Amino acid sequence: MDETLRRNPSRKECEKAIRRILITEILENGKNKHFRMATDFISYFESLYPASDSLTKQVQRAVKAMNMPKDDDGFFIIDRTPQQVAQDKELHALFEHANAQVESLENCEKIFLALEANYRSYISYQISVSDTLKDKFITIQETNNGLIIYTRDKKKLEQILQRLMLPN
């Protein structure tokens, strides 16, 4: 029998195998539902190498070196760094506090309101707090020459804006 097959794998080889195991887990189940600690990988390695304390330690070293974050249930996350997980948690908390919702602009129409540069920010603010206009637009984007206003009712918004531009 070939002695190279019986030797314990290197830490790098263990890391590659662990990465493959976790990626397969995610592809099959959508997320990791089985692996929380280094010992959860041992049965895989023992199927390829003789069981020993040194094999267990090598797998533990590999898991530690990979520095994988864990989800809220304690399972390893393979596709993100600890920093990404922390950033994602912070964004999640902010979105939750802000009652964030994804809104498609697909059904919106645009209106361009040409303005002098000195007035763009102030007019954008005034439109955003206006009781008359508050439910007539989705968002406003400042541009070099004015404002782009996204709306679901272009005619109504145009009528109101035209009326507001007329002298009293």
C-alpha atoms as a PDB file:
ATOM      1  CA  MET A   1       0.000   0.000   0.000  1.00  0.00           C
ATOM      2  CA  ASP A   2       1.217   3.525  -0.784  1.00  0.00           C
ATOM      3  CA  GLU A   3       2.431   5.217   2.414  1.00  0.00           C
ATOM      4  CA  THR A   4       1.565   8.737   1.138  1.00  0.00           C
ATOM      5  CA  LEU A   5      -2.146   7.861   1.302  1.00  0.00           C
ATOM      6  CA  ARG A   6      -1.854   6.849   4.961  1.00  0.00           C
ATOM      7  CA  ARG A   7      -0.101  10.006   6.194  1.00  0.00           C
ATOM      8  CA  ASN A   8      -2.159  12.766   7.760  1.00  0.00           C
ATOM      9  CA  PRO A   9      -3.058  15.601   5.392  1.00  0.00           C
ATOM     10  CA  SER A  10      -1.372  18.965   5.714  1.00  0.00           C
ATOM     11  CA  ARG A  11      -3.244  21.854   7.257  1.00  0.00           C
ATOM     12  CA  LYS A  12      -3.687  23.373   3.780  1.00  0.00           C
ATOM     13  CA  GLU A  13      -5.118  20.101   2.456  1.00  0.00           C
ATOM     14  CA  CYS A  14      -7.523  20.001   5.409  1.00  0.00           C
ATOM     15  CA  GLU A  15      -8.590  23.584   4.689  1.00  0.00           C
ATOM     16  CA  LYS A  16      -9.297  22.739   1.027  1.00  0.00           C
ATOM     17  CA  ALA A  17     -11.338  19.688   2.034  1.00  0.00           C
ATOM     18  CA  ILE A  18     -13.287  21.637   4.667  1.00  0.00           C
ATOM     19  CA  ARG A  19     -14.001  24.388   2.140  1.00  0.00           C
ATOM     20  CA  ARG A  20     -15.265  21.771  -0.368  1.00  0.00           C
ATOM     21  CA  ILE A  21     -17.437  20.129   2.298  1.00  0.00           C
ATOM     22  CA  LEU A  22     -19.034  23.429   3.316  1.00  0.00           C
ATOM     23  CA  ILE A  23     -19.569  24.600  -0.263  1.00  0.00           C
ATOM     24  CA  THR A  24     -21.249  21.280  -1.072  1.00  0.00           C
ATOM     25  CA  GLU A  25     -23.389  21.679   2.051  1.00  0.00           C
ATOM     26  CA  ILE A  26     -24.496  25.140   0.918  1.00  0.00           C
ATOM     27  CA  LEU A  27     -25.206  23.972  -2.630  1.00  0.00           C
ATOM     28  CA  GLU A  28     -27.309  21.055  -1.376  1.00  0.00           C
ATOM     29  CA  ASN A  29     -29.119  22.691   1.555  1.00  0.00           C
ATOM     30  CA  GLY A  30     -28.940  26.422   0.870  1.00  0.00           C
ATOM     31  CA  LYS A  31     -26.889  26.935   4.034  1.00  0.00           C
ATOM     32  CA  ASN A  32     -24.691  25.037   6.456  1.00  0.00           C
ATOM     33  CA  LYS A  33     -26.915  22.971   8.744  1.00  0.00           C
ATOM     34  CA  HIS A  34     -24.408  20.394  10.024  1.00  0.00           C
ATOM     35  CA  PHE A  35     -20.980  21.836  10.810  1.00  0.00           C
ATOM     36  CA  ARG A  36     -20.450  23.860  13.991  1.00  0.00           C
ATOM     37  CA  MET A  37     -16.994  22.799  15.138  1.00  0.00           C
ATOM     38  CA  ALA A  38     -13.863  21.034  13.951  1.00  0.00           C
ATOM     39  CA  THR A  39     -14.979  17.664  15.325  1.00  0.00           C
ATOM     40  CA  ASP A  40     -17.933  17.683  12.908  1.00  0.00           C
ATOM     41  CA  PHE A  41     -15.444  17.202  10.052  1.00  0.00           C
ATOM     42  CA  ILE A  42     -13.530  14.323  11.668  1.00  0.00           C
ATOM     43  CA  SER A  43     -15.673  11.493  10.279  1.00  0.00           C
ATOM     44  CA  TYR A  44     -14.914  12.688   6.747  1.00  0.00           C
ATOM     45  CA  PHE A  45     -11.158  12.755   7.389  1.00  0.00           C
ATOM     46  CA  GLU A  46     -11.225   9.429   9.235  1.00  0.00           C
ATOM     47  CA  SER A  47     -12.824   7.862   6.161  1.00  0.00           C
ATOM     48  CA  LEU A  48      -9.684   8.815   4.220  1.00  0.00           C
ATOM     49  CA  TYR A  49      -6.942   8.647   6.871  1.00  0.00           C
ATOM     50  CA  PRO A  50      -6.325   6.510   9.949  1.00  0.00           C
ATOM     51  CA  ALA A  51      -7.992   7.903  13.072  1.00  0.00           C
ATOM     52  CA  SER A  52      -5.506   9.525  15.403  1.00  0.00           C
ATOM     53  CA  ASP A  53      -5.051  12.403  17.794  1.00  0.00           C
ATOM     54  CA  SER A  54      -2.704  14.065  15.294  1.00  0.00           C
ATOM     55  CA  LEU A  55      -5.397  13.937  12.578  1.00  0.00           C
ATOM     56  CA  THR A  56      -7.912  15.531  14.940  1.00  0.00           C
ATOM     57  CA  LYS A  57      -5.399  18.248  15.869  1.00  0.00           C
ATOM     58  CA  GLN A  58      -4.608  18.893  12.202  1.00  0.00           C
ATOM     59  CA  VAL A  59      -8.305  19.366  11.397  1.00  0.00           C
ATOM     60  CA  GLN A  60      -8.684  21.651  14.431  1.00  0.00           C
ATOM     61  CA  ARG A  61      -5.697  23.722  13.281  1.00  0.00           C
ATOM     62  CA  ALA A  62      -7.192  24.006   9.794  1.00  0.00           C
ATOM     63  CA  VAL A  63     -10.563  25.187  11.111  1.00  0.00           C
ATOM     64  CA  LYS A  64      -8.849  27.711  13.389  1.00  0.00           C
ATOM     65  CA  ALA A  65      -6.637  28.998  10.542  1.00  0.00           C
ATOM     66  CA  MET A  66      -9.667  29.457   8.295  1.00  0.00           C
ATOM     67  CA  ASN A  67     -11.124  31.912  10.848  1.00  0.00           C
ATOM     68  CA  MET A  68     -14.690  31.236   9.697  1.00  0.00           C
ATOM     69  CA  PRO A  69     -17.476  33.244  11.285  1.00  0.00           C
ATOM     70  CA  LYS A  70     -20.568  31.498  12.617  1.00  0.00           C
ATOM     71  CA  ASP A  71     -24.226  32.279  12.063  1.00  0.00           C
ATOM     72  CA  ASP A  72     -26.701  32.918  14.888  1.00  0.00           C
ATOM     73  CA  ASP A  73     -27.209  29.147  15.310  1.00  0.00           C
ATOM     74  CA  GLY A  74     -23.456  28.514  15.632  1.00  0.00           C
ATOM     75  CA  PHE A  75     -22.875  26.987  12.180  1.00  0.00           C
ATOM     76  CA  PHE A  76     -19.797  27.909  10.133  1.00  0.00           C
ATOM     77  CA  ILE A  77     -20.225  30.465   7.344  1.00  0.00           C
ATOM     78  CA  ILE A  78     -17.851  29.715   4.472  1.00  0.00           C
ATOM     79  CA  ASP A  79     -18.680  32.446   1.988  1.00  0.00           C
ATOM     80  CA  ARG A  80     -18.066  35.538   4.149  1.00  0.00           C
ATOM     81  CA  THR A  81     -15.332  36.896   6.389  1.00  0.00           C
ATOM     82  CA  PRO A  82     -15.959  37.807  10.035  1.00  0.00           C
ATOM     83  CA  GLN A  83     -15.848  41.477   8.979  1.00  0.00           C
ATOM     84  CA  GLN A  84     -18.530  40.906   6.324  1.00  0.00           C
ATOM     85  CA  VAL A  85     -20.748  39.136   8.853  1.00  0.00           C
ATOM     86  CA  ALA A  86     -20.358  42.055  11.288  1.00  0.00           C
ATOM     87  CA  GLN A  87     -21.140  44.562   8.519  1.00  0.00           C
ATOM     88  CA  ASP A  88     -24.164  42.527   7.426  1.00  0.00           C
ATOM     89  CA  LYS A  89     -25.481  42.401  10.997  1.00  0.00           C
ATOM     90  CA  GLU A  90     -25.095  46.163  11.342  1.00  0.00           C
ATOM     91  CA  LEU A  91     -26.868  46.775   8.033  1.00  0.00           C
ATOM     92  CA  HIS A  92     -29.634  44.383   9.065  1.00  0.00           C
ATOM     93  CA  ALA A  93     -30.145  46.285  12.333  1.00  0.00           C
ATOM     94  CA  LEU A  94     -30.171  49.631  10.503  1.00  0.00           C
ATOM     95  CA  PHE A  95     -32.636  48.354   7.902  1.00  0.00           C
ATOM     96  CA  GLU A  96     -34.858  47.019  10.678  1.00  0.00           C
ATOM     97  CA  HIS A  97     -34.845  50.347  12.556  1.00  0.00           C
ATOM     98  CA  ALA A  98     -35.458  52.316   9.355  1.00  0.00           C
ATOM     99  CA  ASN A  99     -38.314  50.042   8.215  1.00  0.00           C
ATOM    100  CA  ALA A 100     -36.400  49.574   4.949  1.00  0.00           C
ATOM    101  CA  GLN A 101     -38.154  48.103   1.931  1.00  0.00           C
ATOM    102  CA  VAL A 102     -36.908  47.427  -1.565  1.00  0.00           C
ATOM    103  CA  GLU A 103     -39.049  49.341  -4.036  1.00  0.00           C
ATOM    104  CA  SER A 104     -38.722  48.819  -7.746  1.00  0.00           C
ATOM    105  CA  LEU A 105     -38.428  51.895  -9.927  1.00  0.00           C
ATOM    106  CA  GLU A 106     -39.457  49.773 -12.907  1.00  0.00           C
ATOM    107  CA  ASN A 107     -43.002  51.190 -13.005  1.00  0.00           C
ATOM    108  CA  CYS A 108     -41.881  54.742 -12.317  1.00  0.00           C
ATOM    109  CA  GLU A 109     -41.640  57.568 -14.771  1.00  0.00           C
ATOM    110  CA  LYS A 110     -39.126  60.395 -14.539  1.00  0.00           C
ATOM    111  CA  ILE A 111     -39.637  64.104 -14.551  1.00  0.00           C
ATOM    112  CA  PHE A 112     -36.698  66.446 -14.919  1.00  0.00           C
ATOM    113  CA  LEU A 113     -37.012  69.767 -13.136  1.00  0.00           C
ATOM    114  CA  ALA A 114     -34.368  72.181 -14.468  1.00  0.00           C
ATOM    115  CA  LEU A 115     -33.010  74.405 -11.677  1.00  0.00           C
ATOM    116  CA  GLU A 116     -30.099  76.707 -10.975  1.00  0.00           C
ATOM    117  CA  ALA A 117     -27.360  75.017  -8.965  1.00  0.00           C
ATOM    118  CA  ASN A 118     -27.775  77.236  -5.890  1.00  0.00           C
ATOM    119  CA  TYR A 119     -31.376  76.109  -5.365  1.00  0.00           C
ATOM    120  CA  ARG A 120     -31.222  72.335  -6.061  1.00  0.00           C
ATOM    121  CA  SER A 121     -30.648  71.069  -2.510  1.00  0.00           C
ATOM    122  CA  TYR A 122     -33.111  73.429  -0.876  1.00  0.00           C
ATOM    123  CA  ILE A 123     -35.872  72.767  -3.420  1.00  0.00           C
ATOM    124  CA  SER A 124     -35.260  69.019  -3.137  1.00  0.00           C
ATOM    125  CA  TYR A 125     -35.671  69.302   0.631  1.00  0.00           C
ATOM    126  CA  GLN A 126     -38.813  71.441   0.324  1.00  0.00           C
ATOM    127  CA  ILE A 127     -40.392  68.955  -2.092  1.00  0.00           C
ATOM    128  CA  SER A 128     -39.572  66.070   0.261  1.00  0.00           C
ATOM    129  CA  VAL A 129     -41.324  67.731   3.224  1.00  0.00           C
ATOM    130  CA  SER A 130     -44.230  69.211   1.246  1.00  0.00           C
ATOM    131  CA  ASP A 131     -47.654  67.936   2.311  1.00  0.00           C
ATOM    132  CA  THR A 132     -48.871  68.647  -1.229  1.00  0.00           C
ATOM    133  CA  LEU A 133     -46.172  66.541  -2.896  1.00  0.00           C
ATOM    134  CA  LYS A 134     -45.254  63.900  -0.284  1.00  0.00           C
ATOM    135  CA  ASP A 135     -47.255  61.049  -1.834  1.00  0.00           C
ATOM    136  CA  LYS A 136     -46.692  62.099  -5.461  1.00  0.00           C
ATOM    137  CA  PHE A 137     -43.095  60.903  -5.875  1.00  0.00           C
ATOM    138  CA  ILE A 138     -40.911  57.935  -4.948  1.00  0.00           C
ATOM    139  CA  THR A 139     -37.510  59.626  -4.856  1.00  0.00           C
ATOM    140  CA  ILE A 140     -35.613  62.708  -5.985  1.00  0.00           C
ATOM    141  CA  GLN A 141     -32.092  62.727  -7.420  1.00  0.00           C
ATOM    142  CA  GLU A 142     -30.014  65.880  -7.684  1.00  0.00           C
ATOM    143  CA  THR A 143     -28.185  66.300 -10.998  1.00  0.00           C
ATOM    144  CA  ASN A 144     -25.875  68.931 -12.481  1.00  0.00           C
ATOM    145  CA  ASN A 145     -28.711  70.953 -13.945  1.00  0.00           C
ATOM    146  CA  GLY A 146     -31.665  70.203 -11.687  1.00  0.00           C
ATOM    147  CA  LEU A 147     -33.643  67.369 -10.137  1.00  0.00           C
ATOM    148  CA  ILE A 148     -34.842  64.047 -11.501  1.00  0.00           C
ATOM    149  CA  ILE A 149     -38.052  63.038  -9.761  1.00  0.00           C
ATOM    150  CA  TYR A 150     -39.311  59.452  -9.971  1.00  0.00           C
ATOM    151  CA  THR A 151     -43.078  59.072  -9.773  1.00  0.00           C
ATOM    152  CA  ARG A 152     -45.827  56.558 -10.447  1.00  0.00           C
ATOM    153  CA  ASP A 153     -48.262  59.299 -11.546  1.00  0.00           C
ATOM    154  CA  LYS A 154     -46.344  61.550 -13.912  1.00  0.00           C
ATOM    155  CA  LYS A 155     -49.340  63.592 -15.134  1.00  0.00           C
ATOM    156  CA  LYS A 156     -50.516  64.415 -11.619  1.00  0.00           C
ATOM    157  CA  LEU A 157     -47.029  65.441 -10.481  1.00  0.00           C
ATOM    158  CA  GLU A 158     -46.474  67.547 -13.608  1.00  0.00           C
ATOM    159  CA  GLN A 159     -49.804  69.328 -13.005  1.00  0.00           C
ATOM    160  CA  ILE A 160     -48.919  70.143  -9.408  1.00  0.00           C
ATOM    161  CA  LEU A 161     -45.414  71.328 -10.302  1.00  0.00           C
ATOM    162  CA  GLN A 162     -46.782  73.506 -13.133  1.00  0.00           C
ATOM    163  CA  ARG A 163     -49.378  74.979 -10.768  1.00  0.00           C
ATOM    164  CA  LEU A 164     -46.691  75.734  -8.178  1.00  0.00           C
ATOM    165  CA  MET A 165     -44.563  77.525 -10.812  1.00  0.00           C
ATOM    166  CA  LEU A 166     -47.399  79.858 -11.842  1.00  0.00           C
ATOM    167  CA  PRO A 167     -47.438  83.327 -10.329  1.00  0.00           C
ATOM    168  CA  ASN A 168     -50.068  83.700  -7.571  1.00  0.00           C
END
